[in-house]
Amino acid sequence: MPRPKYKQRCALCKKNMVIMYTSRQFPICVECHMKRISDPVTDPKYKKLLDIPRDMYEKSMFLRNIKEAFVRFGSLTPNQITAFKKAVEDLKKPKKAQTQEEWEKEE
């Protein structure tokens, strides 16, 4: 069962509303989050990995969180790297929604 969603003001700018999924989530709007991760990546290993179009970062909070972790700590774990690559691929090629007939054929 999905959790209830509610809106809360951004903790940084106090003007934009953010959809909250859990009380543990930090309320930060897309604009403020993009400002935090806008620093250029100088490490050549991560430069190629994190150099994706801006609109992908705007669509996915998950990608923004991983880039923010890189900006804060200077590196990423292997699991973060594989999850980042998988999320980028999923955004580039979204899955087609199954119809009822296709779902019944699989069973």
N, C-alpha and C. Protein backbone atom coordinates (compact mmCIF):
# COMPACT_ATOMS: atom_id res chain seq x y z
N MET A 1 0.84 -1.18 0.00
CA MET A 1 0.00 0.00 0.00
C MET A 1 0.89 1.24 0.00
N PRO A 2 0.65 2.17 -0.94
CA PRO A 2 1.49 3.37 -0.99
C PRO A 2 1.27 4.28 0.20
N ARG A 3 2.33 4.94 0.56
CA ARG A 3 2.25 5.88 1.68
C ARG A 3 1.54 7.15 1.25
N PRO A 4 0.90 7.81 2.18
CA PRO A 4 0.26 9.08 1.83
C PRO A 4 1.31 10.15 1.52
N LYS A 5 0.97 11.01 0.60
CA LYS A 5 1.86 12.10 0.23
C LYS A 5 1.30 13.40 0.79
N TYR A 6 2.18 14.31 1.10
CA TYR A 6 1.75 15.63 1.54
C TYR A 6 2.78 16.64 1.07
N LYS A 7 2.42 17.90 1.11
CA LYS A 7 3.33 18.95 0.66
C LYS A 7 3.86 19.73 1.85
N GLN A 8 5.11 20.16 1.71
CA GLN A 8 5.76 20.95 2.74
C GLN A 8 6.66 21.97 2.05
N ARG A 9 6.85 23.11 2.66
CA ARG A 9 7.71 24.14 2.08
C ARG A 9 9.16 23.70 2.12
N CYS A 10 9.91 24.15 1.12
CA CYS A 10 11.34 23.85 1.05
C CYS A 10 12.03 24.43 2.29
N ALA A 11 12.92 23.65 2.89
CA ALA A 11 13.60 24.09 4.10
C ALA A 11 14.65 25.16 3.82
N LEU A 12 15.09 25.29 2.57
CA LEU A 12 16.14 26.26 2.25
C LEU A 12 15.57 27.58 1.77
N CYS A 13 14.69 27.55 0.76
CA CYS A 13 14.20 28.81 0.19
C CYS A 13 12.87 29.25 0.79
N LYS A 14 12.13 28.35 1.38
CA LYS A 14 10.84 28.63 2.03
C LYS A 14 9.76 29.16 1.09
N LYS A 15 9.95 29.02 -0.24
CA LYS A 15 8.90 29.52 -1.13
C LYS A 15 8.28 28.41 -1.98
N ASN A 16 9.02 27.37 -2.34
CA ASN A 16 8.49 26.29 -3.16
C ASN A 16 7.97 25.16 -2.28
N MET A 17 6.95 24.47 -2.79
CA MET A 17 6.39 23.32 -2.08
C MET A 17 7.05 22.05 -2.61
N VAL A 18 7.24 21.09 -1.70
CA VAL A 18 7.88 19.82 -2.03
C VAL A 18 6.93 18.70 -1.63
N ILE A 19 6.76 17.71 -2.52
CA ILE A 19 5.94 16.55 -2.18
C ILE A 19 6.76 15.64 -1.28
N MET A 20 6.22 15.34 -0.11
CA MET A 20 6.91 14.51 0.87
C MET A 20 6.29 13.12 0.87
N TYR A 21 7.14 12.10 0.91
CA TYR A 21 6.67 10.72 0.93
C TYR A 21 6.82 10.10 2.31
N THR A 22 7.72 10.65 3.12
CA THR A 22 7.95 10.14 4.46
C THR A 22 8.41 11.29 5.35
N SER A 23 8.23 11.15 6.62
CA SER A 23 8.61 12.22 7.54
C SER A 23 10.13 12.32 7.69
N ARG A 24 10.86 11.28 7.31
CA ARG A 24 12.33 11.29 7.40
C ARG A 24 12.97 12.03 6.23
N GLN A 25 12.20 12.32 5.19
CA GLN A 25 12.72 12.99 4.01
C GLN A 25 13.00 14.46 4.32
N PHE A 26 14.13 14.97 3.80
CA PHE A 26 14.46 16.38 3.99
C PHE A 26 13.75 17.19 2.91
N PRO A 27 12.96 18.20 3.29
CA PRO A 27 12.20 18.97 2.29
C PRO A 27 13.09 19.96 1.54
N ILE A 28 13.44 19.61 0.32
CA ILE A 28 14.26 20.48 -0.52
C ILE A 28 13.68 20.46 -1.93
N CYS A 29 13.47 21.65 -2.48
CA CYS A 29 12.87 21.75 -3.82
C CYS A 29 13.93 21.48 -4.89
N VAL A 30 13.47 21.27 -6.11
CA VAL A 30 14.38 20.95 -7.22
C VAL A 30 15.36 22.09 -7.46
N GLU A 31 14.89 23.33 -7.41
CA GLU A 31 15.77 24.48 -7.66
C GLU A 31 16.92 24.54 -6.66
N CYS A 32 16.60 24.40 -5.38
CA CYS A 32 17.64 24.45 -4.34
C CYS A 32 18.58 23.25 -4.44
N HIS A 33 18.02 22.09 -4.76
CA HIS A 33 18.85 20.90 -4.89
C HIS A 33 19.81 21.04 -6.07
N MET A 34 19.34 21.62 -7.17
CA MET A 34 20.19 21.82 -8.35
C MET A 34 21.31 22.82 -8.04
N LYS A 35 21.03 23.83 -7.21
CA LYS A 35 22.07 24.78 -6.81
C LYS A 35 23.17 24.07 -6.01
N ARG A 36 22.76 23.13 -5.14
CA ARG A 36 23.72 22.42 -4.31
C ARG A 36 24.64 21.51 -5.11
N ILE A 37 24.13 20.95 -6.21
CA ILE A 37 24.93 19.99 -6.98
C ILE A 37 25.52 20.60 -8.25
N SER A 38 25.47 21.91 -8.38
CA SER A 38 25.92 22.54 -9.62
C SER A 38 27.44 22.69 -9.72
N ASP A 39 28.17 22.36 -8.67
CA ASP A 39 29.63 22.44 -8.72
C ASP A 39 30.17 21.50 -9.80
N PRO A 40 31.15 21.95 -10.61
CA PRO A 40 31.69 21.08 -11.65
C PRO A 40 32.50 19.93 -11.05
N VAL A 41 32.44 18.79 -11.71
CA VAL A 41 33.18 17.60 -11.27
C VAL A 41 34.56 17.65 -11.92
N THR A 42 35.62 17.60 -11.12
CA THR A 42 36.98 17.68 -11.64
C THR A 42 37.64 16.32 -11.75
N ASP A 43 37.19 15.34 -10.98
CA ASP A 43 37.78 14.00 -11.01
C ASP A 43 37.41 13.32 -12.34
N PRO A 44 38.42 12.93 -13.15
CA PRO A 44 38.11 12.36 -14.47
C PRO A 44 37.31 11.05 -14.40
N LYS A 45 37.51 10.27 -13.33
CA LYS A 45 36.78 9.00 -13.19
C LYS A 45 35.28 9.26 -13.06
N TYR A 46 34.92 10.27 -12.28
CA TYR A 46 33.51 10.55 -12.03
C TYR A 46 32.93 11.56 -13.01
N LYS A 47 33.79 12.30 -13.70
CA LYS A 47 33.31 13.32 -14.64
C LYS A 47 32.45 12.70 -15.73
N LYS A 48 32.93 11.59 -16.30
CA LYS A 48 32.18 10.92 -17.36
C LYS A 48 30.88 10.33 -16.81
N LEU A 49 30.93 9.78 -15.61
CA LEU A 49 29.75 9.16 -15.00
C LEU A 49 28.67 10.18 -14.69
N LEU A 50 29.05 11.30 -14.08
CA LEU A 50 28.08 12.28 -13.60
C LEU A 50 27.70 13.32 -14.65
N ASP A 51 28.30 13.25 -15.82
CA ASP A 51 28.01 14.22 -16.88
C ASP A 51 26.80 13.74 -17.70
N ILE A 52 25.61 13.97 -17.16
CA ILE A 52 24.37 13.63 -17.85
C ILE A 52 23.56 14.92 -18.00
N PRO A 53 22.57 14.93 -18.88
CA PRO A 53 21.79 16.16 -19.08
C PRO A 53 21.11 16.65 -17.80
N ARG A 54 20.99 17.95 -17.69
CA ARG A 54 20.40 18.59 -16.51
C ARG A 54 18.96 18.13 -16.27
N ASP A 55 18.21 17.91 -17.35
CA ASP A 55 16.80 17.54 -17.18
C ASP A 55 16.65 16.17 -16.51
N MET A 56 17.65 15.29 -16.67
CA MET A 56 17.59 14.00 -15.97
C MET A 56 17.72 14.19 -14.46
N TYR A 57 18.61 15.10 -14.07
CA TYR A 57 18.73 15.40 -12.64
C TYR A 57 17.45 16.04 -12.11
N GLU A 58 16.80 16.87 -12.92
CA GLU A 58 15.57 17.51 -12.48
C GLU A 58 14.44 16.51 -12.32
N LYS A 59 14.43 15.46 -13.12
CA LYS A 59 13.37 14.45 -13.05
C LYS A 59 13.54 13.51 -11.87
N SER A 60 14.77 13.21 -11.50
CA SER A 60 15.02 12.15 -10.53
C SER A 60 15.70 12.65 -9.26
N MET A 61 15.01 12.55 -8.15
CA MET A 61 15.60 12.92 -6.86
C MET A 61 16.72 11.95 -6.50
N PHE A 62 16.59 10.70 -6.91
CA PHE A 62 17.61 9.69 -6.64
C PHE A 62 18.95 10.08 -7.25
N LEU A 63 18.94 10.53 -8.51
CA LEU A 63 20.18 10.95 -9.17
C LEU A 63 20.77 12.18 -8.49
N ARG A 64 19.90 13.11 -8.09
CA ARG A 64 20.39 14.31 -7.40
C ARG A 64 21.04 13.93 -6.08
N ASN A 65 20.46 12.99 -5.35
CA ASN A 65 21.02 12.57 -4.06
C ASN A 65 22.39 11.92 -4.23
N ILE A 66 22.56 11.13 -5.28
CA ILE A 66 23.86 10.49 -5.51
C ILE A 66 24.91 11.54 -5.87
N LYS A 67 24.54 12.50 -6.72
CA LYS A 67 25.52 13.54 -7.08
C LYS A 67 25.84 14.40 -5.86
N GLU A 68 24.85 14.67 -5.03
CA GLU A 68 25.10 15.44 -3.81
C GLU A 68 26.06 14.68 -2.89
N ALA A 69 25.92 13.36 -2.81
CA ALA A 69 26.84 12.55 -2.01
C ALA A 69 28.26 12.67 -2.55
N PHE A 70 28.40 12.70 -3.88
CA PHE A 70 29.73 12.87 -4.46
C PHE A 70 30.30 14.25 -4.13
N VAL A 71 29.46 15.29 -4.23
CA VAL A 71 29.93 16.65 -3.94
C VAL A 71 30.35 16.76 -2.48
N ARG A 72 29.61 16.13 -1.58
CA ARG A 72 29.93 16.21 -0.16
C ARG A 72 31.16 15.41 0.23
N PHE A 73 31.26 14.17 -0.29
CA PHE A 73 32.30 13.26 0.19
C PHE A 73 33.45 13.05 -0.79
N GLY A 74 33.29 13.45 -2.05
CA GLY A 74 34.38 13.35 -3.02
C GLY A 74 34.52 12.01 -3.71
N SER A 75 33.70 11.03 -3.34
CA SER A 75 33.76 9.73 -4.01
C SER A 75 32.42 9.03 -3.83
N LEU A 76 32.26 7.92 -4.56
CA LEU A 76 31.05 7.12 -4.47
C LEU A 76 31.43 5.66 -4.24
N THR A 77 30.55 4.91 -3.61
CA THR A 77 30.78 3.49 -3.42
C THR A 77 30.45 2.75 -4.71
N PRO A 78 30.96 1.54 -4.89
CA PRO A 78 30.62 0.77 -6.09
C PRO A 78 29.11 0.55 -6.25
N ASN A 79 28.41 0.35 -5.14
CA ASN A 79 26.96 0.16 -5.22
C ASN A 79 26.27 1.43 -5.69
N GLN A 80 26.74 2.59 -5.26
CA GLN A 80 26.16 3.85 -5.72
C GLN A 80 26.40 4.04 -7.21
N ILE A 81 27.57 3.66 -7.68
CA ILE A 81 27.90 3.81 -9.10
C ILE A 81 26.99 2.93 -9.95
N THR A 82 26.82 1.67 -9.56
CA THR A 82 25.96 0.77 -10.35
C THR A 82 24.51 1.22 -10.29
N ALA A 83 24.04 1.68 -9.14
CA ALA A 83 22.66 2.16 -9.04
C ALA A 83 22.46 3.42 -9.88
N PHE A 84 23.46 4.29 -9.91
CA PHE A 84 23.38 5.51 -10.72
C PHE A 84 23.28 5.15 -12.20
N LYS A 85 24.12 4.23 -12.66
CA LYS A 85 24.09 3.81 -14.07
C LYS A 85 22.75 3.19 -14.43
N LYS A 86 22.22 2.36 -13.54
CA LYS A 86 20.94 1.70 -13.80
C LYS A 86 19.81 2.73 -13.85
N ALA A 87 19.82 3.70 -12.96
CA ALA A 87 18.78 4.73 -12.94
C ALA A 87 18.83 5.59 -14.20
N VAL A 88 20.03 5.90 -14.68
CA VAL A 88 20.17 6.68 -15.92
C VAL A 88 19.62 5.89 -17.09
N GLU A 89 19.93 4.59 -17.16
CA GLU A 89 19.41 3.75 -18.25
C GLU A 89 17.89 3.67 -18.19
N ASP A 90 17.33 3.56 -16.98
CA ASP A 90 15.87 3.50 -16.85
C ASP A 90 15.21 4.80 -17.28
N LEU A 91 15.87 5.92 -17.03
CA LEU A 91 15.31 7.20 -17.47
C LEU A 91 15.41 7.36 -18.98
N LYS A 92 16.48 6.84 -19.57
CA LYS A 92 16.64 6.95 -21.02
C LYS A 92 15.65 6.05 -21.76
N LYS A 93 15.43 4.84 -21.22
CA LYS A 93 14.52 3.88 -21.84
C LYS A 93 13.46 3.46 -20.82
N PRO A 94 12.40 4.25 -20.67
CA PRO A 94 11.39 3.88 -19.68
C PRO A 94 10.66 2.61 -20.08
N LYS A 95 10.26 1.86 -19.07
CA LYS A 95 9.54 0.61 -19.32
C LYS A 95 8.13 0.92 -19.79
N LYS A 96 7.66 0.07 -20.70
CA LYS A 96 6.30 0.20 -21.20
C LYS A 96 5.37 -0.44 -20.19
N ALA A 97 4.27 0.21 -19.91
CA ALA A 97 3.30 -0.34 -18.97
C ALA A 97 2.63 -1.56 -19.58
N GLN A 98 2.50 -2.61 -18.79
CA GLN A 98 1.87 -3.83 -19.28
C GLN A 98 0.36 -3.67 -19.33
N THR A 99 -0.23 -4.23 -20.37
CA THR A 99 -1.69 -4.27 -20.43
C THR A 99 -2.17 -5.49 -19.67
N GLN A 100 -3.44 -5.55 -19.41
CA GLN A 100 -4.02 -6.67 -18.68
C GLN A 100 -3.81 -7.98 -19.46
N GLU A 101 -3.95 -7.92 -20.79
CA GLU A 101 -3.80 -9.13 -21.62
C GLU A 101 -2.37 -9.66 -21.56
N GLU A 102 -1.37 -8.78 -21.61
CA GLU A 102 0.02 -9.21 -21.54
C GLU A 102 0.33 -9.82 -20.19
N TRP A 103 -0.24 -9.25 -19.15
CA TRP A 103 0.00 -9.75 -17.80
C TRP A 103 -0.58 -11.15 -17.63
N GLU A 104 -1.77 -11.38 -18.21
CA GLU A 104 -2.41 -12.69 -18.11
C GLU A 104 -1.66 -13.74 -18.92
N LYS A 105 -1.02 -13.35 -20.03
CA LYS A 105 -0.27 -14.29 -20.85
C LYS A 105 0.97 -14.79 -20.12
N GLU A 106 1.56 -13.95 -19.28
CA GLU A 106 2.75 -14.35 -18.53
C GLU A 106 2.44 -15.43 -17.51
N GLU A 107 1.24 -15.43 -17.02
CA GLU A 107 0.87 -16.43 -16.00
C GLU A 107 0.56 -17.70 -16.67
